Amino acid sequence: MAAGGGLTASDRTKSGKKKKKKKDAAPREATPFYEQTWFLLSVLVLLLGGILAFYRYNVSEGRLYRIVARNMASTDPGDWDDVERQMKQLLAWYPESSNAPQVQVWLDQLDMHRAKNRVETNIKFGREPQSEAERLYVEAQQFEKFGDRMTALEKYEAMQSLFAPKSGELSEAEQEQERTARPYWLLARDQAQKIRGAVGSETDRVAFVQRQLQEADDLHERGEKLLAREKWRAIVRLYGNLEEFKTLAAQAQARLDAVGTSE
């Protein structure tokens, strides 16, 4: 301290340091728990859980099932499309429910309808099948439309073995292949059942093709040449690569060649 009672520069510096120390020593005010991150995150989780529980309660299994059942009773496939999301929700949320098998049947019904439309559209516009399952189904269908139900049945049954659902863990690629093939596997199963119930004792496929060849000959003799050529071409296309029918396919091709040179 200087003479006369005044403070020197050294005294003022010491005084400032003491005040700073006192200020630093003052306790920091704690953040309220309701403003802390852990509390806010906990509240958010509880809020989201409550919203989900409320949604699941109001969109209950029974209510969803009644909506789906009403639409699937319709004969309009557009009504089936409208409840596709609800069907998938039921299978995802209630996989162990007693209603789950019926919901899966309805979902398969929708997928089969779409697969049929896809086949018809691809044929109409001359497009190639989009999968091996579709290709084999179309091939079997061609035999059935031609009237050779036994060959069609044989091909539909082969699809049942080839595309049957696999057990155990599957890779993502295998799961996608199974999902793609399933509608055609189901369509083939249904068509095979229909044929078995209708064929009776008709089991001789060679005799069937022989009758078709004779019918084509008869059509040509009656002057219905266009229909005759269509039937001969069908025999060549469907049976030309099958060993047991090569002779009959060759006869059909010979008739086409003869008609082509004479007309």
C-alpha atoms as a PDB file:
ATOM      1  CA  MET A   1       0.000   0.000   0.000  1.00  0.00           C
ATOM      2  CA  ALA A   2       1.405   3.411  -0.912  1.00  0.00           C
ATOM      3  CA  ALA A   3       1.864   6.307   1.503  1.00  0.00           C
ATOM      4  CA  GLY A   4      -1.301   8.283   2.018  1.00  0.00           C
ATOM      5  CA  GLY A   5      -3.510   5.185   2.041  1.00  0.00           C
ATOM      6  CA  GLY A   6      -3.678   4.631  -1.768  1.00  0.00           C
ATOM      7  CA  LEU A   7      -3.396   1.206  -3.443  1.00  0.00           C
ATOM      8  CA  THR A   8      -0.390   0.439  -5.536  1.00  0.00           C
ATOM      9  CA  ALA A   9      -0.591  -1.454  -8.814  1.00  0.00           C
ATOM     10  CA  SER A  10       0.685  -4.571  -7.030  1.00  0.00           C
ATOM     11  CA  ASP A  11      -2.096  -4.318  -4.442  1.00  0.00           C
ATOM     12  CA  ARG A  12      -4.783  -3.998  -7.107  1.00  0.00           C
ATOM     13  CA  THR A  13      -3.441  -7.074  -8.940  1.00  0.00           C
ATOM     14  CA  LYS A  14      -3.527  -9.161  -5.770  1.00  0.00           C
ATOM     15  CA  SER A  15      -7.054  -7.992  -5.005  1.00  0.00           C
ATOM     16  CA  GLY A  16      -8.256  -8.947  -8.505  1.00  0.00           C
ATOM     17  CA  LYS A  17      -6.792 -12.440  -8.179  1.00  0.00           C
ATOM     18  CA  LYS A  18      -8.558 -12.981  -4.835  1.00  0.00           C
ATOM     19  CA  LYS A  19     -11.907 -11.957  -6.352  1.00  0.00           C
ATOM     20  CA  LYS A  20     -11.394 -14.278  -9.315  1.00  0.00           C
ATOM     21  CA  LYS A  21     -10.632 -17.177  -7.024  1.00  0.00           C
ATOM     22  CA  LYS A  22     -13.802 -16.500  -5.043  1.00  0.00           C
ATOM     23  CA  LYS A  23     -15.836 -16.402  -8.253  1.00  0.00           C
ATOM     24  CA  ASP A  24     -14.297 -19.669  -9.497  1.00  0.00           C
ATOM     25  CA  ALA A  25     -15.017 -21.335  -6.238  1.00  0.00           C
ATOM     26  CA  ALA A  26     -18.760 -20.638  -6.523  1.00  0.00           C
ATOM     27  CA  PRO A  27     -20.701 -23.924  -7.136  1.00  0.00           C
ATOM     28  CA  ARG A  28     -22.149 -24.498 -10.670  1.00  0.00           C
ATOM     29  CA  GLU A  29     -25.932 -24.807 -10.841  1.00  0.00           C
ATOM     30  CA  ALA A  30     -26.961 -28.449 -11.731  1.00  0.00           C
ATOM     31  CA  THR A  31     -29.064 -29.120 -14.888  1.00  0.00           C
ATOM     32  CA  PRO A  32     -32.583 -30.278 -13.911  1.00  0.00           C
ATOM     33  CA  PHE A  33     -33.052 -34.021 -14.552  1.00  0.00           C
ATOM     34  CA  TYR A  34     -36.005 -33.338 -16.871  1.00  0.00           C
ATOM     35  CA  GLU A  35     -33.694 -31.405 -19.172  1.00  0.00           C
ATOM     36  CA  GLN A  36     -31.046 -34.113 -19.344  1.00  0.00           C
ATOM     37  CA  THR A  37     -30.592 -36.179 -22.494  1.00  0.00           C
ATOM     38  CA  TRP A  38     -31.231 -39.567 -20.892  1.00  0.00           C
ATOM     39  CA  PHE A  39     -34.579 -38.397 -19.515  1.00  0.00           C
ATOM     40  CA  LEU A  40     -35.714 -36.871 -22.814  1.00  0.00           C
ATOM     41  CA  LEU A  41     -34.802 -40.047 -24.723  1.00  0.00           C
ATOM     42  CA  SER A  42     -36.677 -42.190 -22.185  1.00  0.00           C
ATOM     43  CA  VAL A  43     -39.795 -40.050 -22.581  1.00  0.00           C
ATOM     44  CA  LEU A  44     -39.545 -40.306 -26.371  1.00  0.00           C
ATOM     45  CA  VAL A  45     -39.294 -44.114 -26.238  1.00  0.00           C
ATOM     46  CA  LEU A  46     -42.310 -44.345 -23.910  1.00  0.00           C
ATOM     47  CA  LEU A  47     -44.285 -41.994 -26.135  1.00  0.00           C
ATOM     48  CA  LEU A  48     -43.563 -43.995 -29.278  1.00  0.00           C
ATOM     49  CA  GLY A  49     -44.379 -47.228 -27.454  1.00  0.00           C
ATOM     50  CA  GLY A  50     -47.689 -45.777 -26.320  1.00  0.00           C
ATOM     51  CA  ILE A  51     -48.580 -44.671 -29.829  1.00  0.00           C
ATOM     52  CA  LEU A  52     -47.783 -48.144 -31.196  1.00  0.00           C
ATOM     53  CA  ALA A  53     -49.792 -49.846 -28.453  1.00  0.00           C
ATOM     54  CA  PHE A  54     -52.749 -47.540 -29.102  1.00  0.00           C
ATOM     55  CA  TYR A  55     -52.560 -48.249 -32.850  1.00  0.00           C
ATOM     56  CA  ARG A  56     -52.303 -51.997 -32.338  1.00  0.00           C
ATOM     57  CA  TYR A  57     -55.208 -51.913 -29.894  1.00  0.00           C
ATOM     58  CA  ASN A  58     -57.459 -49.987 -32.261  1.00  0.00           C
ATOM     59  CA  VAL A  59     -56.356 -51.938 -35.342  1.00  0.00           C
ATOM     60  CA  SER A  60     -56.897 -55.280 -33.633  1.00  0.00           C
ATOM     61  CA  GLU A  61     -56.602 -58.704 -35.220  1.00  0.00           C
ATOM     62  CA  GLY A  62     -60.358 -59.254 -35.190  1.00  0.00           C
ATOM     63  CA  ARG A  63     -61.094 -55.931 -36.845  1.00  0.00           C
ATOM     64  CA  LEU A  64     -58.418 -56.446 -39.532  1.00  0.00           C
ATOM     65  CA  TYR A  65     -59.593 -59.999 -40.188  1.00  0.00           C
ATOM     66  CA  ARG A  66     -63.213 -58.880 -40.653  1.00  0.00           C
ATOM     67  CA  ILE A  67     -62.143 -56.220 -43.168  1.00  0.00           C
ATOM     68  CA  VAL A  68     -60.069 -58.745 -45.111  1.00  0.00           C
ATOM     69  CA  ALA A  69     -62.769 -61.447 -45.019  1.00  0.00           C
ATOM     70  CA  ARG A  70     -65.399 -59.050 -46.373  1.00  0.00           C
ATOM     71  CA  ASN A  71     -63.254 -58.009 -49.335  1.00  0.00           C
ATOM     72  CA  MET A  72     -61.993 -61.508 -50.134  1.00  0.00           C
ATOM     73  CA  ALA A  73     -65.602 -62.750 -50.346  1.00  0.00           C
ATOM     74  CA  SER A  74     -66.011 -60.460 -53.345  1.00  0.00           C
ATOM     75  CA  THR A  75     -65.670 -61.725 -56.914  1.00  0.00           C
ATOM     76  CA  ASP A  76     -63.927 -58.496 -57.920  1.00  0.00           C
ATOM     77  CA  PRO A  77     -60.111 -58.853 -57.736  1.00  0.00           C
ATOM     78  CA  GLY A  78     -59.930 -55.097 -57.220  1.00  0.00           C
ATOM     79  CA  ASP A  79     -61.433 -55.659 -53.764  1.00  0.00           C
ATOM     80  CA  TRP A  80     -58.675 -58.189 -53.049  1.00  0.00           C
ATOM     81  CA  ASP A  81     -56.027 -55.622 -53.973  1.00  0.00           C
ATOM     82  CA  ASP A  82     -57.522 -53.170 -51.489  1.00  0.00           C
ATOM     83  CA  VAL A  83     -56.775 -55.419 -48.490  1.00  0.00           C
ATOM     84  CA  GLU A  84     -53.333 -56.713 -49.462  1.00  0.00           C
ATOM     85  CA  ARG A  85     -51.675 -54.467 -46.861  1.00  0.00           C
ATOM     86  CA  GLN A  86     -54.015 -55.686 -44.115  1.00  0.00           C
ATOM     87  CA  MET A  87     -53.335 -59.334 -45.011  1.00  0.00           C
ATOM     88  CA  LYS A  88     -49.596 -58.785 -44.735  1.00  0.00           C
ATOM     89  CA  GLN A  89     -50.098 -56.983 -41.418  1.00  0.00           C
ATOM     90  CA  LEU A  90     -52.084 -59.908 -40.024  1.00  0.00           C
ATOM     91  CA  LEU A  91     -49.380 -62.413 -41.001  1.00  0.00           C
ATOM     92  CA  ALA A  92     -46.598 -60.192 -39.626  1.00  0.00           C
ATOM     93  CA  TRP A  93     -48.299 -59.243 -36.345  1.00  0.00           C
ATOM     94  CA  TYR A  94     -50.224 -62.448 -35.577  1.00  0.00           C
ATOM     95  CA  PRO A  95     -48.261 -65.320 -37.203  1.00  0.00           C
ATOM     96  CA  GLU A  96     -49.444 -67.850 -34.590  1.00  0.00           C
ATOM     97  CA  SER A  97     -53.121 -66.909 -34.855  1.00  0.00           C
ATOM     98  CA  SER A  98     -55.682 -69.523 -35.852  1.00  0.00           C
ATOM     99  CA  ASN A  99     -56.651 -67.119 -38.653  1.00  0.00           C
ATOM    100  CA  ALA A 100     -53.154 -67.095 -40.178  1.00  0.00           C
ATOM    101  CA  PRO A 101     -53.633 -70.144 -42.486  1.00  0.00           C
ATOM    102  CA  GLN A 102     -56.793 -68.654 -44.010  1.00  0.00           C
ATOM    103  CA  VAL A 103     -55.105 -65.275 -44.484  1.00  0.00           C
ATOM    104  CA  GLN A 104     -52.240 -67.022 -46.307  1.00  0.00           C
ATOM    105  CA  VAL A 105     -54.778 -68.758 -48.577  1.00  0.00           C
ATOM    106  CA  TRP A 106     -56.300 -65.374 -49.448  1.00  0.00           C
ATOM    107  CA  LEU A 107     -52.905 -63.810 -50.096  1.00  0.00           C
ATOM    108  CA  ASP A 108     -52.041 -66.753 -52.371  1.00  0.00           C
ATOM    109  CA  GLN A 109     -55.369 -66.247 -54.148  1.00  0.00           C
ATOM    110  CA  LEU A 110     -54.385 -62.662 -54.941  1.00  0.00           C
ATOM    111  CA  ASP A 111     -50.883 -63.669 -56.096  1.00  0.00           C
ATOM    112  CA  MET A 112     -52.287 -66.429 -58.328  1.00  0.00           C
ATOM    113  CA  HIS A 113     -54.703 -63.985 -59.938  1.00  0.00           C
ATOM    114  CA  ARG A 114     -51.831 -61.620 -60.682  1.00  0.00           C
ATOM    115  CA  ALA A 115     -49.703 -64.462 -62.056  1.00  0.00           C
ATOM    116  CA  LYS A 116     -52.501 -65.506 -64.438  1.00  0.00           C
ATOM    117  CA  ASN A 117     -52.836 -61.941 -65.686  1.00  0.00           C
ATOM    118  CA  ARG A 118     -49.066 -61.726 -66.128  1.00  0.00           C
ATOM    119  CA  VAL A 119     -49.043 -64.905 -68.236  1.00  0.00           C
ATOM    120  CA  GLU A 120     -51.910 -63.698 -70.427  1.00  0.00           C
ATOM    121  CA  THR A 121     -50.294 -60.283 -70.918  1.00  0.00           C
ATOM    122  CA  ASN A 122     -46.914 -61.773 -71.829  1.00  0.00           C
ATOM    123  CA  ILE A 123     -48.514 -64.141 -74.345  1.00  0.00           C
ATOM    124  CA  LYS A 124     -50.649 -61.367 -75.832  1.00  0.00           C
ATOM    125  CA  PHE A 125     -47.665 -59.107 -76.477  1.00  0.00           C
ATOM    126  CA  GLY A 126     -45.246 -61.887 -77.409  1.00  0.00           C
ATOM    127  CA  ARG A 127     -43.062 -61.444 -74.335  1.00  0.00           C
ATOM    128  CA  GLU A 128     -40.874 -64.157 -72.896  1.00  0.00           C
ATOM    129  CA  PRO A 129     -41.795 -65.603 -69.483  1.00  0.00           C
ATOM    130  CA  GLN A 130     -40.163 -63.667 -66.647  1.00  0.00           C
ATOM    131  CA  SER A 131     -39.098 -66.708 -64.605  1.00  0.00           C
ATOM    132  CA  GLU A 132     -38.459 -70.425 -64.988  1.00  0.00           C
ATOM    133  CA  ALA A 133     -41.620 -71.209 -63.028  1.00  0.00           C
ATOM    134  CA  GLU A 134     -43.696 -69.083 -65.404  1.00  0.00           C
ATOM    135  CA  ARG A 135     -42.063 -70.708 -68.449  1.00  0.00           C
ATOM    136  CA  LEU A 136     -42.856 -74.239 -67.267  1.00  0.00           C
ATOM    137  CA  TYR A 137     -46.409 -73.276 -66.346  1.00  0.00           C
ATOM    138  CA  VAL A 138     -47.008 -71.762 -69.803  1.00  0.00           C
ATOM    139  CA  GLU A 139     -45.573 -74.887 -71.421  1.00  0.00           C
ATOM    140  CA  ALA A 140     -47.912 -77.162 -69.466  1.00  0.00           C
ATOM    141  CA  GLN A 141     -50.819 -74.841 -70.237  1.00  0.00           C
ATOM    142  CA  GLN A 142     -50.154 -75.135 -73.970  1.00  0.00           C
ATOM    143  CA  PHE A 143     -50.519 -78.913 -73.829  1.00  0.00           C
ATOM    144  CA  GLU A 144     -53.724 -78.566 -71.819  1.00  0.00           C
ATOM    145  CA  LYS A 145     -55.214 -76.098 -74.295  1.00  0.00           C
ATOM    146  CA  PHE A 146     -54.315 -78.440 -77.148  1.00  0.00           C
ATOM    147  CA  GLY A 147     -56.277 -81.168 -75.380  1.00  0.00           C
ATOM    148  CA  ASP A 148     -53.378 -83.337 -74.228  1.00  0.00           C
ATOM    149  CA  ARG A 149     -54.300 -83.344 -70.580  1.00  0.00           C
ATOM    150  CA  MET A 150     -52.024 -86.257 -69.692  1.00  0.00           C
ATOM    151  CA  THR A 151     -48.878 -84.467 -70.855  1.00  0.00           C
ATOM    152  CA  ALA A 152     -50.110 -81.297 -69.164  1.00  0.00           C
ATOM    153  CA  LEU A 153     -50.687 -83.268 -65.952  1.00  0.00           C
ATOM    154  CA  GLU A 154     -47.194 -84.715 -66.154  1.00  0.00           C
ATOM    155  CA  LYS A 155     -45.687 -81.237 -66.463  1.00  0.00           C
ATOM    156  CA  TYR A 156     -47.850 -79.725 -63.714  1.00  0.00           C
ATOM    157  CA  GLU A 157     -46.824 -82.552 -61.370  1.00  0.00           C
ATOM    158  CA  ALA A 158     -43.158 -82.012 -62.233  1.00  0.00           C
ATOM    159  CA  MET A 159     -43.573 -78.391 -61.151  1.00  0.00           C
ATOM    160  CA  GLN A 160     -44.928 -79.590 -57.804  1.00  0.00           C
ATOM    161  CA  SER A 161     -41.634 -81.316 -57.088  1.00  0.00           C
ATOM    162  CA  LEU A 162     -39.383 -78.691 -58.606  1.00  0.00           C
ATOM    163  CA  PHE A 163     -40.847 -75.646 -56.825  1.00  0.00           C
ATOM    164  CA  ALA A 164     -42.077 -77.176 -53.556  1.00  0.00           C
ATOM    165  CA  PRO A 165     -41.314 -74.907 -50.542  1.00  0.00           C
ATOM    166  CA  LYS A 166     -37.962 -75.716 -48.976  1.00  0.00           C
ATOM    167  CA  SER A 167     -37.350 -76.218 -45.274  1.00  0.00           C
ATOM    168  CA  GLY A 168     -34.503 -74.786 -43.223  1.00  0.00           C
ATOM    169  CA  GLU A 169     -32.728 -71.475 -43.567  1.00  0.00           C
ATOM    170  CA  LEU A 170     -32.671 -69.977 -47.053  1.00  0.00           C
ATOM    171  CA  SER A 171     -30.479 -67.269 -48.513  1.00  0.00           C
ATOM    172  CA  GLU A 172     -32.087 -64.024 -49.663  1.00  0.00           C
ATOM    173  CA  ALA A 173     -31.752 -65.173 -53.287  1.00  0.00           C
ATOM    174  CA  GLU A 174     -33.458 -68.494 -52.493  1.00  0.00           C
ATOM    175  CA  GLN A 175     -36.254 -66.741 -50.607  1.00  0.00           C
ATOM    176  CA  GLU A 176     -36.873 -64.408 -53.541  1.00  0.00           C
ATOM    177  CA  GLN A 177     -36.884 -67.341 -55.978  1.00  0.00           C
ATOM    178  CA  GLU A 178     -39.404 -69.166 -53.806  1.00  0.00           C
ATOM    179  CA  ARG A 179     -41.661 -66.097 -53.565  1.00  0.00           C
ATOM    180  CA  THR A 180     -41.544 -65.671 -57.350  1.00  0.00           C
ATOM    181  CA  ALA A 181     -42.273 -69.336 -58.051  1.00  0.00           C
ATOM    182  CA  ARG A 182     -44.996 -69.839 -55.426  1.00  0.00           C
ATOM    183  CA  PRO A 183     -47.996 -68.498 -57.459  1.00  0.00           C
ATOM    184  CA  TYR A 184     -47.126 -70.769 -60.410  1.00  0.00           C
ATOM    185  CA  TRP A 185     -46.524 -73.718 -58.098  1.00  0.00           C
ATOM    186  CA  LEU A 186     -50.020 -73.174 -56.676  1.00  0.00           C
ATOM    187  CA  LEU A 187     -51.583 -72.728 -60.117  1.00  0.00           C
ATOM    188  CA  ALA A 188     -49.924 -75.954 -61.288  1.00  0.00           C
ATOM    189  CA  ARG A 189     -51.227 -77.762 -58.188  1.00  0.00           C
ATOM    190  CA  ASP A 190     -54.796 -76.615 -58.840  1.00  0.00           C
ATOM    191  CA  GLN A 191     -54.677 -77.501 -62.547  1.00  0.00           C
ATOM    192  CA  ALA A 192     -53.242 -80.942 -61.777  1.00  0.00           C
ATOM    193  CA  GLN A 193     -56.100 -81.616 -59.359  1.00  0.00           C
ATOM    194  CA  LYS A 194     -58.677 -80.597 -61.979  1.00  0.00           C
ATOM    195  CA  ILE A 195     -57.124 -82.841 -64.624  1.00  0.00           C
ATOM    196  CA  ARG A 196     -56.938 -85.841 -62.295  1.00  0.00           C
ATOM    197  CA  GLY A 197     -60.635 -85.469 -61.625  1.00  0.00           C
ATOM    198  CA  ALA A 198     -61.492 -85.307 -65.316  1.00  0.00           C
ATOM    199  CA  VAL A 199     -59.211 -87.645 -67.266  1.00  0.00           C
ATOM    200  CA  GLY A 200     -60.725 -90.909 -66.108  1.00  0.00           C
ATOM    201  CA  SER A 201     -59.066 -93.741 -68.049  1.00  0.00           C
ATOM    202  CA  GLU A 202     -57.471 -91.497 -70.672  1.00  0.00           C
ATOM    203  CA  THR A 203     -53.796 -92.394 -70.298  1.00  0.00           C
ATOM    204  CA  ASP A 204     -52.473 -93.184 -73.812  1.00  0.00           C
ATOM    205  CA  ARG A 205     -50.820 -89.979 -75.003  1.00  0.00           C
ATOM    206  CA  VAL A 206     -49.561 -91.477 -78.258  1.00  0.00           C
ATOM    207  CA  ALA A 207     -53.114 -92.471 -79.189  1.00  0.00           C
ATOM    208  CA  PHE A 208     -54.239 -88.918 -78.407  1.00  0.00           C
ATOM    209  CA  VAL A 209     -51.657 -87.377 -80.756  1.00  0.00           C
ATOM    210  CA  GLN A 210     -52.557 -89.901 -83.447  1.00  0.00           C
ATOM    211  CA  ARG A 211     -56.196 -88.774 -83.180  1.00  0.00           C
ATOM    212  CA  GLN A 212     -55.137 -85.142 -83.471  1.00  0.00           C
ATOM    213  CA  LEU A 213     -53.112 -85.923 -86.589  1.00  0.00           C
ATOM    214  CA  GLN A 214     -56.100 -87.731 -88.116  1.00  0.00           C
ATOM    215  CA  GLU A 215     -58.403 -84.825 -87.250  1.00  0.00           C
ATOM    216  CA  ALA A 216     -56.038 -82.445 -89.036  1.00  0.00           C
ATOM    217  CA  ASP A 217     -56.078 -84.694 -92.103  1.00  0.00           C
ATOM    218  CA  ASP A 218     -59.881 -84.783 -92.037  1.00  0.00           C
ATOM    219  CA  LEU A 219     -60.059 -80.979 -91.749  1.00  0.00           C
ATOM    220  CA  HIS A 220     -57.817 -80.587 -94.768  1.00  0.00           C
ATOM    221  CA  GLU A 221     -59.890 -82.993 -96.837  1.00  0.00           C
ATOM    222  CA  ARG A 222     -63.050 -81.043 -95.966  1.00  0.00           C
ATOM    223  CA  GLY A 223     -61.428 -77.890 -97.218  1.00  0.00           C
ATOM    224  CA  GLU A 224     -60.766 -76.391 -93.787  1.00  0.00           C
ATOM    225  CA  LYS A 225     -57.114 -75.931 -94.651  1.00  0.00           C
ATOM    226  CA  LEU A 226     -56.299 -73.162 -92.194  1.00  0.00           C
ATOM    227  CA  LEU A 227     -57.540 -75.178 -89.211  1.00  0.00           C
ATOM    228  CA  ALA A 228     -55.674 -78.238 -90.479  1.00  0.00           C
ATOM    229  CA  ARG A 229     -52.402 -76.323 -90.746  1.00  0.00           C
ATOM    230  CA  GLU A 230     -52.852 -74.873 -87.239  1.00  0.00           C
ATOM    231  CA  LYS A 231     -53.295 -78.375 -85.790  1.00  0.00           C
ATOM    232  CA  TRP A 232     -50.274 -79.782 -87.659  1.00  0.00           C
ATOM    233  CA  ARG A 233     -48.138 -76.869 -86.483  1.00  0.00           C
ATOM    234  CA  ALA A 234     -49.281 -77.426 -82.901  1.00  0.00           C
ATOM    235  CA  ILE A 235     -48.253 -81.093 -83.084  1.00  0.00           C
ATOM    236  CA  VAL A 236     -44.801 -80.147 -84.386  1.00  0.00           C
ATOM    237  CA  ARG A 237     -44.345 -77.372 -81.810  1.00  0.00           C
ATOM    238  CA  LEU A 238     -45.514 -79.335 -78.791  1.00  0.00           C
ATOM    239  CA  TYR A 239     -44.178 -82.809 -79.563  1.00  0.00           C
ATOM    240  CA  GLY A 240     -41.244 -82.314 -81.913  1.00  0.00           C
ATOM    241  CA  ASN A 241     -38.701 -82.486 -79.062  1.00  0.00           C
ATOM    242  CA  LEU A 242     -40.281 -85.453 -77.282  1.00  0.00           C
ATOM    243  CA  GLU A 243     -38.646 -88.735 -78.242  1.00  0.00           C
ATOM    244  CA  GLU A 244     -41.783 -90.911 -78.148  1.00  0.00           C
ATOM    245  CA  PHE A 245     -43.652 -88.507 -80.446  1.00  0.00           C
ATOM    246  CA  LYS A 246     -40.940 -87.738 -83.002  1.00  0.00           C
ATOM    247  CA  THR A 247     -42.471 -90.015 -85.650  1.00  0.00           C
ATOM    248  CA  LEU A 248     -45.890 -88.369 -85.320  1.00  0.00           C
ATOM    249  CA  ALA A 249     -44.338 -84.885 -85.291  1.00  0.00           C
ATOM    250  CA  ALA A 250     -42.396 -85.760 -88.435  1.00  0.00           C
ATOM    251  CA  GLN A 251     -45.637 -86.842 -90.121  1.00  0.00           C
ATOM    252  CA  ALA A 252     -47.261 -83.534 -89.205  1.00  0.00           C
ATOM    253  CA  GLN A 253     -44.251 -81.633 -90.575  1.00  0.00           C
ATOM    254  CA  ALA A 254     -44.367 -83.669 -93.782  1.00  0.00           C
ATOM    255  CA  ARG A 255     -48.024 -82.718 -94.283  1.00  0.00           C
ATOM    256  CA  LEU A 256     -47.154 -79.039 -93.735  1.00  0.00           C
ATOM    257  CA  ASP A 257     -44.335 -79.267 -96.253  1.00  0.00           C
ATOM    258  CA  ALA A 258     -46.620 -80.986 -98.771  1.00  0.00           C
ATOM    259  CA  VAL A 259     -49.330 -78.373 -98.324  1.00  0.00           C
ATOM    260  CA  GLY A 260     -46.770 -75.602 -98.649  1.00  0.00           C
ATOM    261  CA  THR A 261     -45.577 -76.866-102.043  1.00  0.00           C
ATOM    262  CA  SER A 262     -49.015 -77.622-103.448  1.00  0.00           C
ATOM    263  CA  GLU A 263     -50.850 -74.454-102.406  1.00  0.00           C
END
